[in-house]
Amino acid sequence: MGLYLQEYRAVLTFSMDSVDKKVLLSSTKGSYSVEELQQCIATCQKGSEKVFQFYRDSVRRKYSKLLNE
């Protein structure tokens, strides 16, 4: 990870709630502005919506197949 961090000013990692889409936890290294933090959170919220929708769709497909057997 050392080389990875040398390429960037900051690295921010978030864990998002699947229902409220709020930040559950974060890990950050480096320096960033409040605006950059807010932009990162907004981007992660949008991305997490797609990930959680994929999870829901996958579970729905799996259980729908099991129920139809």
PDB file of N, CA and C in Angstrom:
ATOM      1  N   MET A   1       0.824  -1.193   0.000  1.00  0.00           N
ATOM      2  CA  MET A   1       0.000   0.000   0.000  1.00  0.00           C
ATOM      3  C   MET A   1       0.862   1.248   0.000  1.00  0.00           C
ATOM      4  N   GLY A   2       2.116   1.166   0.400  1.00  0.00           N
ATOM      5  CA  GLY A   2       2.994   2.322   0.452  1.00  0.00           C
ATOM      6  C   GLY A   2       3.130   3.019  -0.894  1.00  0.00           C
ATOM      7  N   LEU A   3       3.384   2.258  -1.958  1.00  0.00           N
ATOM      8  CA  LEU A   3       3.502   2.854  -3.285  1.00  0.00           C
ATOM      9  C   LEU A   3       2.188   3.465  -3.730  1.00  0.00           C
ATOM     10  N   TYR A   4       1.114   2.806  -3.412  1.00  0.00           N
ATOM     11  CA  TYR A   4      -0.215   3.296  -3.766  1.00  0.00           C
ATOM     12  C   TYR A   4      -0.454   4.677  -3.172  1.00  0.00           C
ATOM     13  N   LEU A   5      -0.125   4.853  -1.913  1.00  0.00           N
ATOM     14  CA  LEU A   5      -0.348   6.136  -1.247  1.00  0.00           C
ATOM     15  C   LEU A   5       0.566   7.229  -1.777  1.00  0.00           C
ATOM     16  N   GLN A   6       1.730   6.875  -2.281  1.00  0.00           N
ATOM     17  CA  GLN A   6       2.639   7.883  -2.808  1.00  0.00           C
ATOM     18  C   GLN A   6       2.089   8.543  -4.066  1.00  0.00           C
ATOM     19  N   GLU A   7       1.191   7.879  -4.769  1.00  0.00           N
ATOM     20  CA  GLU A   7       0.635   8.410  -6.009  1.00  0.00           C
ATOM     21  C   GLU A   7      -0.489   9.414  -5.769  1.00  0.00           C
ATOM     22  N   TYR A   8      -1.024   9.489  -4.563  1.00  0.00           N
ATOM     23  CA  TYR A   8      -2.195  10.307  -4.285  1.00  0.00           C
ATOM     24  C   TYR A   8      -1.970  11.194  -3.071  1.00  0.00           C
ATOM     25  N   ARG A   9      -2.706  12.292  -3.028  1.00  0.00           N
ATOM     26  CA  ARG A   9      -2.680  13.196  -1.882  1.00  0.00           C
ATOM     27  C   ARG A   9      -3.430  12.616  -0.702  1.00  0.00           C
ATOM     28  N   ALA A  10      -4.516  11.890  -1.008  1.00  0.00           N
ATOM     29  CA  ALA A  10      -5.356  11.340   0.056  1.00  0.00           C
ATOM     30  C   ALA A  10      -6.045  10.069  -0.427  1.00  0.00           C
ATOM     31  N   VAL A  11      -6.328   9.194   0.520  1.00  0.00           N
ATOM     32  CA  VAL A  11      -7.108   7.984   0.254  1.00  0.00           C
ATOM     33  C   VAL A  11      -8.220   7.950   1.288  1.00  0.00           C
ATOM     34  N   LEU A  12      -9.464   7.859   0.812  1.00  0.00           N
ATOM     35  CA  LEU A  12     -10.626   7.829   1.701  1.00  0.00           C
ATOM     36  C   LEU A  12     -11.403   6.549   1.425  1.00  0.00           C
ATOM     37  N   THR A  13     -11.737   5.815   2.467  1.00  0.00           N
ATOM     38  CA  THR A  13     -12.493   4.573   2.354  1.00  0.00           C
ATOM     39  C   THR A  13     -13.720   4.688   3.245  1.00  0.00           C
ATOM     40  N   PHE A  14     -14.887   4.328   2.698  1.00  0.00           N
ATOM     41  CA  PHE A  14     -16.133   4.457   3.445  1.00  0.00           C
ATOM     42  C   PHE A  14     -16.888   3.138   3.480  1.00  0.00           C
ATOM     43  N   SER A  15     -17.646   2.939   4.542  1.00  0.00           N
ATOM     44  CA  SER A  15     -18.610   1.851   4.652  1.00  0.00           C
ATOM     45  C   SER A  15     -19.973   2.517   4.751  1.00  0.00           C
ATOM     46  N   MET A  16     -20.887   2.127   3.849  1.00  0.00           N
ATOM     47  CA  MET A  16     -22.180   2.804   3.762  1.00  0.00           C
ATOM     48  C   MET A  16     -23.315   1.908   4.266  1.00  0.00           C
ATOM     49  N   ASP A  17     -24.313   2.522   4.864  1.00  0.00           N
ATOM     50  CA  ASP A  17     -25.527   1.836   5.297  1.00  0.00           C
ATOM     51  C   ASP A  17     -26.387   1.546   4.068  1.00  0.00           C
ATOM     52  N   SER A  18     -26.951   0.349   3.984  1.00  0.00           N
ATOM     53  CA  SER A  18     -27.723  -0.035   2.802  1.00  0.00           C
ATOM     54  C   SER A  18     -29.111   0.591   2.758  1.00  0.00           C
ATOM     55  N   VAL A  19     -29.637   1.039   3.875  1.00  0.00           N
ATOM     56  CA  VAL A  19     -30.986   1.606   3.906  1.00  0.00           C
ATOM     57  C   VAL A  19     -30.952   3.130   3.824  1.00  0.00           C
ATOM     58  N   ASP A  20     -30.260   3.748   4.757  1.00  0.00           N
ATOM     59  CA  ASP A  20     -30.238   5.214   4.827  1.00  0.00           C
ATOM     60  C   ASP A  20     -29.134   5.834   3.983  1.00  0.00           C
ATOM     61  N   LYS A  21     -28.230   5.018   3.468  1.00  0.00           N
ATOM     62  CA  LYS A  21     -27.106   5.478   2.644  1.00  0.00           C
ATOM     63  C   LYS A  21     -26.218   6.480   3.367  1.00  0.00           C
ATOM     64  N   LYS A  22     -26.117   6.307   4.678  1.00  0.00           N
ATOM     65  CA  LYS A  22     -25.253   7.157   5.490  1.00  0.00           C
ATOM     66  C   LYS A  22     -23.920   6.456   5.709  1.00  0.00           C
ATOM     67  N   VAL A  23     -22.898   7.247   6.016  1.00  0.00           N
ATOM     68  CA  VAL A  23     -21.573   6.693   6.287  1.00  0.00           C
ATOM     69  C   VAL A  23     -21.599   5.999   7.646  1.00  0.00           C
ATOM     70  N   LEU A  24     -21.240   4.715   7.666  1.00  0.00           N
ATOM     71  CA  LEU A  24     -21.152   3.973   8.924  1.00  0.00           C
ATOM     72  C   LEU A  24     -19.772   4.118   9.535  1.00  0.00           C
ATOM     73  N   LEU A  25     -18.754   4.073   8.677  1.00  0.00           N
ATOM     74  CA  LEU A  25     -17.389   4.273   9.161  1.00  0.00           C
ATOM     75  C   LEU A  25     -16.538   4.757   8.008  1.00  0.00           C
ATOM     76  N   SER A  26     -15.430   5.384   8.358  1.00  0.00           N
ATOM     77  CA  SER A  26     -14.510   5.860   7.330  1.00  0.00           C
ATOM     78  C   SER A  26     -13.077   5.696   7.806  1.00  0.00           C
ATOM     79  N   SER A  27     -12.202   5.568   6.837  1.00  0.00           N
ATOM     80  CA  SER A  27     -10.768   5.523   7.094  1.00  0.00           C
ATOM     81  C   SER A  27     -10.135   6.475   6.087  1.00  0.00           C
ATOM     82  N   THR A  28      -9.325   7.400   6.567  1.00  0.00           N
ATOM     83  CA  THR A  28      -8.721   8.373   5.664  1.00  0.00           C
ATOM     84  C   THR A  28      -7.236   8.524   5.953  1.00  0.00           C
ATOM     85  N   LYS A  29      -6.504   8.806   4.890  1.00  0.00           N
ATOM     86  CA  LYS A  29      -5.073   9.110   5.005  1.00  0.00           C
ATOM     87  C   LYS A  29      -4.789  10.251   4.050  1.00  0.00           C
ATOM     88  N   GLY A  30      -4.012  11.205   4.484  1.00  0.00           N
ATOM     89  CA  GLY A  30      -3.650  12.318   3.620  1.00  0.00           C
ATOM     90  C   GLY A  30      -4.464  13.559   3.927  1.00  0.00           C
ATOM     91  N   SER A  31      -4.318  14.553   3.070  1.00  0.00           N
ATOM     92  CA  SER A  31      -5.030  15.819   3.290  1.00  0.00           C
ATOM     93  C   SER A  31      -6.030  16.057   2.165  1.00  0.00           C
ATOM     94  N   TYR A  32      -7.168  16.635   2.528  1.00  0.00           N
ATOM     95  CA  TYR A  32      -8.249  16.906   1.586  1.00  0.00           C
ATOM     96  C   TYR A  32      -9.111  18.017   2.167  1.00  0.00           C
ATOM     97  N   SER A  33      -9.838  18.690   1.295  1.00  0.00           N
ATOM     98  CA  SER A  33     -10.709  19.783   1.731  1.00  0.00           C
ATOM     99  C   SER A  33     -12.076  19.231   2.135  1.00  0.00           C
ATOM    100  N   VAL A  34     -12.853  20.059   2.779  1.00  0.00           N
ATOM    101  CA  VAL A  34     -14.221  19.680   3.150  1.00  0.00           C
ATOM    102  C   VAL A  34     -15.024  19.381   1.889  1.00  0.00           C
ATOM    103  N   GLU A  35     -14.826  20.184   0.858  1.00  0.00           N
ATOM    104  CA  GLU A  35     -15.546  19.971  -0.402  1.00  0.00           C
ATOM    105  C   GLU A  35     -15.180  18.625  -1.026  1.00  0.00           C
ATOM    106  N   GLU A  36     -13.895  18.273  -0.990  1.00  0.00           N
ATOM    107  CA  GLU A  36     -13.471  16.980  -1.530  1.00  0.00           C
ATOM    108  C   GLU A  36     -14.060  15.831  -0.721  1.00  0.00           C
ATOM    109  N   LEU A  37     -14.111  15.977   0.587  1.00  0.00           N
ATOM    110  CA  LEU A  37     -14.716  14.957   1.443  1.00  0.00           C
ATOM    111  C   LEU A  37     -16.187  14.779   1.085  1.00  0.00           C
ATOM    112  N   GLN A  38     -16.910  15.884   0.948  1.00  0.00           N
ATOM    113  CA  GLN A  38     -18.334  15.814   0.614  1.00  0.00           C
ATOM    114  C   GLN A  38     -18.553  15.185  -0.759  1.00  0.00           C
ATOM    115  N   GLN A  39     -17.680  15.515  -1.709  1.00  0.00           N
ATOM    116  CA  GLN A  39     -17.788  14.937  -3.049  1.00  0.00           C
ATOM    117  C   GLN A  39     -17.526  13.429  -3.009  1.00  0.00           C
ATOM    118  N   CYS A  40     -16.540  13.016  -2.242  1.00  0.00           N
ATOM    119  CA  CYS A  40     -16.240  11.582  -2.104  1.00  0.00           C
ATOM    120  C   CYS A  40     -17.410  10.831  -1.476  1.00  0.00           C
ATOM    121  N   ILE A  41     -18.001  11.402  -0.438  1.00  0.00           N
ATOM    122  CA  ILE A  41     -19.148  10.759   0.218  1.00  0.00           C
ATOM    123  C   ILE A  41     -20.309  10.634  -0.758  1.00  0.00           C
ATOM    124  N   ALA A  42     -20.600  11.701  -1.506  1.00  0.00           N
ATOM    125  CA  ALA A  42     -21.704  11.667  -2.471  1.00  0.00           C
ATOM    126  C   ALA A  42     -21.458  10.609  -3.547  1.00  0.00           C
ATOM    127  N   THR A  43     -20.234  10.520  -4.028  1.00  0.00           N
ATOM    128  CA  THR A  43     -19.889   9.523  -5.043  1.00  0.00           C
ATOM    129  C   THR A  43     -20.045   8.110  -4.491  1.00  0.00           C
ATOM    130  N   CYS A  44     -19.607   7.896  -3.268  1.00  0.00           N
ATOM    131  CA  CYS A  44     -19.735   6.577  -2.636  1.00  0.00           C
ATOM    132  C   CYS A  44     -21.195   6.221  -2.383  1.00  0.00           C
ATOM    133  N   GLN A  45     -22.007   7.208  -2.018  1.00  0.00           N
ATOM    134  CA  GLN A  45     -23.430   6.943  -1.805  1.00  0.00           C
ATOM    135  C   GLN A  45     -24.079   6.474  -3.102  1.00  0.00           C
ATOM    136  N   LYS A  46     -23.764   7.141  -4.209  1.00  0.00           N
ATOM    137  CA  LYS A  46     -24.329   6.741  -5.504  1.00  0.00           C
ATOM    138  C   LYS A  46     -23.852   5.346  -5.898  1.00  0.00           C
ATOM    139  N   GLY A  47     -22.571   5.083  -5.712  1.00  0.00           N
ATOM    140  CA  GLY A  47     -22.030   3.765  -6.045  1.00  0.00           C
ATOM    141  C   GLY A  47     -22.607   2.668  -5.177  1.00  0.00           C
ATOM    142  N   SER A  48     -22.778   2.960  -3.891  1.00  0.00           N
ATOM    143  CA  SER A  48     -23.307   1.941  -2.979  1.00  0.00           C
ATOM    144  C   SER A  48     -24.761   1.609  -3.308  1.00  0.00           C
ATOM    145  N   GLU A  49     -25.520   2.581  -3.822  1.00  0.00           N
ATOM    146  CA  GLU A  49     -26.898   2.298  -4.237  1.00  0.00           C
ATOM    147  C   GLU A  49     -26.901   1.202  -5.295  1.00  0.00           C
ATOM    148  N   LYS A  50     -25.993   1.307  -6.256  1.00  0.00           N
ATOM    149  CA  LYS A  50     -25.916   0.304  -7.330  1.00  0.00           C
ATOM    150  C   LYS A  50     -25.475  -1.056  -6.788  1.00  0.00           C
ATOM    151  N   VAL A  51     -24.509  -1.056  -5.888  1.00  0.00           N
ATOM    152  CA  VAL A  51     -24.025  -2.312  -5.305  1.00  0.00           C
ATOM    153  C   VAL A  51     -25.139  -2.989  -4.511  1.00  0.00           C
ATOM    154  N   PHE A  52     -25.823  -2.233  -3.657  1.00  0.00           N
ATOM    155  CA  PHE A  52     -26.885  -2.821  -2.841  1.00  0.00           C
ATOM    156  C   PHE A  52     -28.061  -3.275  -3.703  1.00  0.00           C
ATOM    157  N   GLN A  53     -28.346  -2.562  -4.786  1.00  0.00           N
ATOM    158  CA  GLN A  53     -29.413  -2.999  -5.688  1.00  0.00           C
ATOM    159  C   GLN A  53     -29.017  -4.311  -6.356  1.00  0.00           C
ATOM    160  N   PHE A  54     -27.748  -4.442  -6.732  1.00  0.00           N
ATOM    161  CA  PHE A  54     -27.254  -5.702  -7.296  1.00  0.00           C
ATOM    162  C   PHE A  54     -27.437  -6.844  -6.299  1.00  0.00           C
ATOM    163  N   TYR A  55     -27.092  -6.608  -5.035  1.00  0.00           N
ATOM    164  CA  TYR A  55     -27.280  -7.628  -3.994  1.00  0.00           C
ATOM    165  C   TYR A  55     -28.747  -8.025  -3.885  1.00  0.00           C
ATOM    166  N   ARG A  56     -29.629  -7.027  -3.826  1.00  0.00           N
ATOM    167  CA  ARG A  56     -31.064  -7.326  -3.696  1.00  0.00           C
ATOM    168  C   ARG A  56     -31.569  -8.126  -4.892  1.00  0.00           C
ATOM    169  N   ASP A  57     -31.176  -7.713  -6.097  1.00  0.00           N
ATOM    170  CA  ASP A  57     -31.603  -8.425  -7.303  1.00  0.00           C
ATOM    171  C   ASP A  57     -31.077  -9.857  -7.314  1.00  0.00           C
ATOM    172  N   SER A  58     -29.835 -10.050  -6.905  1.00  0.00           N
ATOM    173  CA  SER A  58     -29.238 -11.393  -6.881  1.00  0.00           C
ATOM    174  C   SER A  58     -29.964 -12.300  -5.902  1.00  0.00           C
ATOM    175  N   VAL A  59     -30.248 -11.791  -4.720  1.00  0.00           N
ATOM    176  CA  VAL A  59     -30.964 -12.581  -3.710  1.00  0.00           C
ATOM    177  C   VAL A  59     -32.374 -12.890  -4.198  1.00  0.00           C
ATOM    178  N   ARG A  60     -33.026 -11.907  -4.794  1.00  0.00           N
ATOM    179  CA  ARG A  60     -34.384 -12.111  -5.308  1.00  0.00           C
ATOM    180  C   ARG A  60     -34.388 -13.204  -6.372  1.00  0.00           C
ATOM    181  N   ARG A  61     -33.425 -13.175  -7.304  1.00  0.00           N
ATOM    182  CA  ARG A  61     -33.351 -14.201  -8.352  1.00  0.00           C
ATOM    183  C   ARG A  61     -33.109 -15.581  -7.752  1.00  0.00           C
ATOM    184  N   LYS A  62     -32.190 -15.656  -6.799  1.00  0.00           N
ATOM    185  CA  LYS A  62     -31.863 -16.951  -6.190  1.00  0.00           C
ATOM    186  C   LYS A  62     -33.080 -17.540  -5.486  1.00  0.00           C
ATOM    187  N   TYR A  63     -33.769 -16.731  -4.679  1.00  0.00           N
ATOM    188  CA  TYR A  63     -34.906 -17.258  -3.932  1.00  0.00           C
ATOM    189  C   TYR A  63     -36.109 -17.494  -4.818  1.00  0.00           C
ATOM    190  N   SER A  64     -36.235 -16.740  -5.883  1.00  0.00           N
ATOM    191  CA  SER A  64     -37.345 -16.985  -6.789  1.00  0.00           C
ATOM    192  C   SER A  64     -37.152 -18.325  -7.491  1.00  0.00           C
ATOM    193  N   LYS A  65     -35.910 -18.690  -7.830  1.00  0.00           N
ATOM    194  CA  LYS A  65     -35.630 -20.004  -8.425  1.00  0.00           C
ATOM    195  C   LYS A  65     -35.907 -21.114  -7.422  1.00  0.00           C
ATOM    196  N   LEU A  66     -35.510 -20.916  -6.172  1.00  0.00           N
ATOM    197  CA  LEU A  66     -35.736 -21.934  -5.144  1.00  0.00           C
ATOM    198  C   LEU A  66     -37.226 -22.145  -4.892  1.00  0.00           C
ATOM    199  N   LEU A  67     -37.993 -21.070  -4.903  1.00  0.00           N
ATOM    200  CA  LEU A  67     -39.431 -21.182  -4.654  1.00  0.00           C
ATOM    201  C   LEU A  67     -40.165 -21.839  -5.813  1.00  0.00           C
ATOM    202  N   ASN A  68     -39.609 -21.721  -7.021  1.00  0.00           N
ATOM    203  CA  ASN A  68     -40.262 -22.280  -8.205  1.00  0.00           C
ATOM    204  C   ASN A  68     -39.851 -23.720  -8.488  1.00  0.00           C
ATOM    205  N   GLU A  69     -38.970 -24.288  -7.684  1.00  0.00           N
ATOM    206  CA  GLU A  69     -38.537 -25.676  -7.915  1.00  0.00           C
ATOM    207  C   GLU A  69     -39.563 -26.655  -7.422  1.00  0.00           C
TER     208      GLU A  69
END
